[in-house]
Amino acid sequence: MSIGHAVQKGSLIYIYDQQGKQVMSVSAPGRWPEDGLKSYTPTAVNVQKGTLIYRYDAAGHMVGRPFPAQQMTTTHNPKHFASA
């Protein structure tokens, strides 16, 4: 299953497949202004929580270890992404 697009609404990030069906949601507490959806690929979603970026797979499971937010760069609107 591939990630088609992701959108943040309030403190939740909704993940949709290629057909537009919601497949999961991830909490994005929003304690800091930078918190929330940072980017996504067909296989993973990157979410900032505080000073760390967490990566989740298409099933909503955290993948690997969180990494410092300074390593993450994005050229898109961090709150809403359209699939490429």
Protein backbone atom coordinates (compact mmCIF):
# COMPACT_ATOMS: atom_id res chain seq x y z
CA MET A 1 0.00 0.00 0.00
CA SER A 2 1.37 3.41 -0.99
CA ILE A 3 0.68 6.76 0.58
CA GLY A 4 -1.21 8.97 -1.86
CA HIS A 5 -1.39 12.13 0.22
CA ALA A 6 -1.36 13.43 3.78
CA VAL A 7 -3.11 16.37 5.40
CA GLN A 8 -3.04 17.80 8.90
CA LYS A 9 -6.31 18.88 10.51
CA GLY A 10 -5.88 20.20 14.02
CA SER A 11 -3.77 17.79 16.03
CA LEU A 12 -4.22 14.81 13.69
CA ILE A 13 -2.53 13.94 10.43
CA TYR A 14 -4.69 11.91 8.07
CA ILE A 15 -2.98 9.58 5.61
CA TYR A 16 -4.71 8.50 2.39
CA ASP A 17 -3.87 5.82 -0.16
CA GLN A 18 -3.59 6.34 -3.94
CA GLN A 19 -7.38 5.99 -4.33
CA GLY A 20 -8.11 8.65 -1.69
CA LYS A 21 -9.23 6.24 1.05
CA GLN A 22 -8.07 7.13 4.56
CA VAL A 23 -5.71 4.41 5.76
CA MET A 24 -4.51 5.83 9.09
CA SER A 25 -4.11 8.88 11.27
CA VAL A 26 -1.16 10.02 13.40
CA SER A 27 -1.22 12.37 16.36
CA ALA A 28 0.63 15.68 15.98
CA PRO A 29 0.23 17.36 19.38
CA GLY A 30 1.06 20.89 18.24
CA ARG A 31 2.77 21.95 21.42
CA TRP A 32 5.18 24.11 19.40
CA PRO A 33 4.41 26.10 16.22
CA GLU A 34 6.81 23.91 14.21
CA ASP A 35 5.10 20.66 15.26
CA GLY A 36 3.12 18.66 12.72
CA LEU A 37 3.34 17.21 9.25
CA LYS A 38 6.68 17.94 7.59
CA SER A 39 6.70 15.74 4.50
CA TYR A 40 5.67 12.41 3.07
CA THR A 41 6.71 9.91 0.42
CA PRO A 42 4.82 6.92 -1.00
CA THR A 43 6.26 4.85 1.87
CA ALA A 44 6.55 7.18 4.90
CA VAL A 45 5.23 10.28 6.67
CA ASN A 46 7.53 12.62 8.65
CA VAL A 47 6.03 14.34 11.70
CA GLN A 48 7.76 16.86 13.94
CA LYS A 49 7.05 16.60 17.66
CA GLY A 50 9.15 19.07 19.59
CA THR A 51 12.78 18.92 18.51
CA LEU A 52 12.47 15.48 16.86
CA ILE A 53 11.13 14.17 13.56
CA TYR A 54 9.29 10.84 13.70
CA ARG A 55 8.81 8.68 10.61
CA TYR A 56 5.73 6.47 10.20
CA ASP A 57 5.05 3.84 7.54
CA ALA A 58 1.79 3.44 5.60
CA ALA A 59 0.39 1.25 8.40
CA GLY A 60 1.00 3.93 11.06
CA HIS A 61 3.98 2.21 12.70
CA MET A 62 6.98 4.27 13.72
CA VAL A 63 9.97 3.41 11.53
CA GLY A 64 13.49 3.68 12.92
CA ARG A 65 14.54 6.17 15.54
CA PRO A 66 13.49 9.81 15.67
CA PHE A 67 16.05 12.28 14.34
CA PRO A 68 16.70 15.96 15.18
CA ALA A 69 14.44 18.43 13.39
CA GLN A 70 17.43 20.47 12.18
CA GLN A 71 18.23 17.65 9.72
CA MET A 72 14.80 17.98 8.09
CA THR A 73 14.30 20.45 5.25
CA THR A 74 11.12 20.94 3.27
CA THR A 75 10.19 23.11 0.33
CA HIS A 76 6.45 22.46 0.61
CA ASN A 77 3.68 23.83 2.81
CA PRO A 78 4.14 21.70 5.95
CA LYS A 79 0.42 21.52 6.73
CA HIS A 80 -0.88 20.14 3.42
CA PHE A 81 0.77 18.13 0.68
CA ALA A 82 -0.64 17.02 -2.65
CA SER A 83 0.61 13.83 -4.20
CA ALA A 84 3.11 14.20 -7.00
